[in-house]
Amino acid sequence: MAFLIWRNRDLGRLPAVLGALALGLGISAYYWMPAFFERNAAQIEANMLHVSIAQRLAPLGEWIQRG
């Protein structure tokens, strides 16, 4: 949106767009800031990124209940 405002030379709307962006980031910070600052405590890399997807999925035979 900021690019379109700059391209159309309508700079009067730029503060409103930047304010809306800042407000959105501020409100959503409740969710992303703890994840960002505690990423080392959660050990995301050790638990998720270095493991194959096949190790995380249940075998197809366990998807259907036979009893």
C-alpha atoms as a PDB file:
ATOM      1  CA  MET A   1       0.000   0.000   0.000  1.00  0.00           C
ATOM      2  CA  ALA A   2       2.831   2.376   0.813  1.00  0.00           C
ATOM      3  CA  PHE A   3       4.316   1.742  -2.647  1.00  0.00           C
ATOM      4  CA  LEU A   4       0.998   2.511  -4.362  1.00  0.00           C
ATOM      5  CA  ILE A   5       0.627   5.730  -2.388  1.00  0.00           C
ATOM      6  CA  TRP A   6       4.151   6.764  -3.348  1.00  0.00           C
ATOM      7  CA  ARG A   7       3.584   5.786  -6.983  1.00  0.00           C
ATOM      8  CA  ASN A   8       0.360   7.814  -7.239  1.00  0.00           C
ATOM      9  CA  ARG A   9       1.999  10.755  -5.405  1.00  0.00           C
ATOM     10  CA  ASP A  10      -0.760  10.746  -2.781  1.00  0.00           C
ATOM     11  CA  LEU A  11       1.560  11.202   0.191  1.00  0.00           C
ATOM     12  CA  GLY A  12      -1.229  12.523   2.402  1.00  0.00           C
ATOM     13  CA  ARG A  13      -2.399   8.963   3.050  1.00  0.00           C
ATOM     14  CA  LEU A  14       1.032   7.572   3.916  1.00  0.00           C
ATOM     15  CA  PRO A  15       0.851   8.350   7.682  1.00  0.00           C
ATOM     16  CA  ALA A  16      -2.489   6.528   7.947  1.00  0.00           C
ATOM     17  CA  VAL A  17      -1.111   3.456   6.180  1.00  0.00           C
ATOM     18  CA  LEU A  18       2.035   3.389   8.298  1.00  0.00           C
ATOM     19  CA  GLY A  19      -0.058   3.912  11.428  1.00  0.00           C
ATOM     20  CA  ALA A  20      -2.294   0.978  10.504  1.00  0.00           C
ATOM     21  CA  LEU A  21       0.777  -1.186   9.911  1.00  0.00           C
ATOM     22  CA  ALA A  22       2.256  -0.215  13.272  1.00  0.00           C
ATOM     23  CA  LEU A  23      -1.066  -0.853  15.024  1.00  0.00           C
ATOM     24  CA  GLY A  24      -1.359  -4.288  13.432  1.00  0.00           C
ATOM     25  CA  LEU A  25       2.165  -5.242  14.445  1.00  0.00           C
ATOM     26  CA  GLY A  26       1.572  -3.935  17.950  1.00  0.00           C
ATOM     27  CA  ILE A  27      -1.638  -5.894  18.445  1.00  0.00           C
ATOM     28  CA  SER A  28      -0.190  -9.112  17.014  1.00  0.00           C
ATOM     29  CA  ALA A  29       2.962  -8.744  19.139  1.00  0.00           C
ATOM     30  CA  TYR A  30       1.064 -10.481  21.933  1.00  0.00           C
ATOM     31  CA  TYR A  31       1.496 -13.706  19.931  1.00  0.00           C
ATOM     32  CA  TRP A  32       4.790 -13.362  18.055  1.00  0.00           C
ATOM     33  CA  MET A  33       6.998 -11.651  20.643  1.00  0.00           C
ATOM     34  CA  PRO A  34       7.037 -14.531  23.165  1.00  0.00           C
ATOM     35  CA  ALA A  35       7.816 -16.985  20.383  1.00  0.00           C
ATOM     36  CA  PHE A  36      10.605 -14.738  19.118  1.00  0.00           C
ATOM     37  CA  PHE A  37      12.249 -14.050  22.480  1.00  0.00           C
ATOM     38  CA  GLU A  38      11.913 -17.602  23.832  1.00  0.00           C
ATOM     39  CA  ARG A  39      12.956 -19.468  20.687  1.00  0.00           C
ATOM     40  CA  ASN A  40      16.113 -20.792  22.369  1.00  0.00           C
ATOM     41  CA  ALA A  41      14.160 -22.091  25.371  1.00  0.00           C
ATOM     42  CA  ALA A  42      11.697 -23.918  23.155  1.00  0.00           C
ATOM     43  CA  GLN A  43      14.474 -25.673  21.200  1.00  0.00           C
ATOM     44  CA  ILE A  44      12.516 -25.467  17.982  1.00  0.00           C
ATOM     45  CA  GLU A  45      15.518 -26.403  15.869  1.00  0.00           C
ATOM     46  CA  ALA A  46      16.228 -29.573  17.849  1.00  0.00           C
ATOM     47  CA  ASN A  47      12.611 -30.731  17.929  1.00  0.00           C
ATOM     48  CA  MET A  48      11.328 -29.878  14.480  1.00  0.00           C
ATOM     49  CA  LEU A  49      13.839 -28.838  11.886  1.00  0.00           C
ATOM     50  CA  HIS A  50      16.401 -31.652  12.037  1.00  0.00           C
ATOM     51  CA  VAL A  51      13.882 -34.483  11.976  1.00  0.00           C
ATOM     52  CA  SER A  52      12.531 -36.070   8.845  1.00  0.00           C
ATOM     53  CA  ILE A  53       8.836 -35.628   8.128  1.00  0.00           C
ATOM     54  CA  ALA A  54       8.500 -39.408   7.806  1.00  0.00           C
ATOM     55  CA  GLN A  55       9.544 -39.768  11.450  1.00  0.00           C
ATOM     56  CA  ARG A  56       6.734 -37.419  12.559  1.00  0.00           C
ATOM     57  CA  LEU A  57       3.895 -39.100  10.637  1.00  0.00           C
ATOM     58  CA  ALA A  58       1.992 -42.137  11.864  1.00  0.00           C
ATOM     59  CA  PRO A  59       2.103 -45.203   9.598  1.00  0.00           C
ATOM     60  CA  LEU A  60      -0.893 -45.588   7.285  1.00  0.00           C
ATOM     61  CA  GLY A  61      -1.956 -48.770   9.079  1.00  0.00           C
ATOM     62  CA  GLU A  62      -2.572 -46.780  12.276  1.00  0.00           C
ATOM     63  CA  TRP A  63      -4.954 -44.334  10.581  1.00  0.00           C
ATOM     64  CA  ILE A  64      -7.837 -46.831  10.331  1.00  0.00           C
ATOM     65  CA  GLN A  65      -9.474 -48.408  13.359  1.00  0.00           C
ATOM     66  CA  ARG A  66      -9.986 -52.115  12.794  1.00  0.00           C
ATOM     67  CA  GLY A  67     -11.990 -52.969  15.905  1.00  0.00           C
END
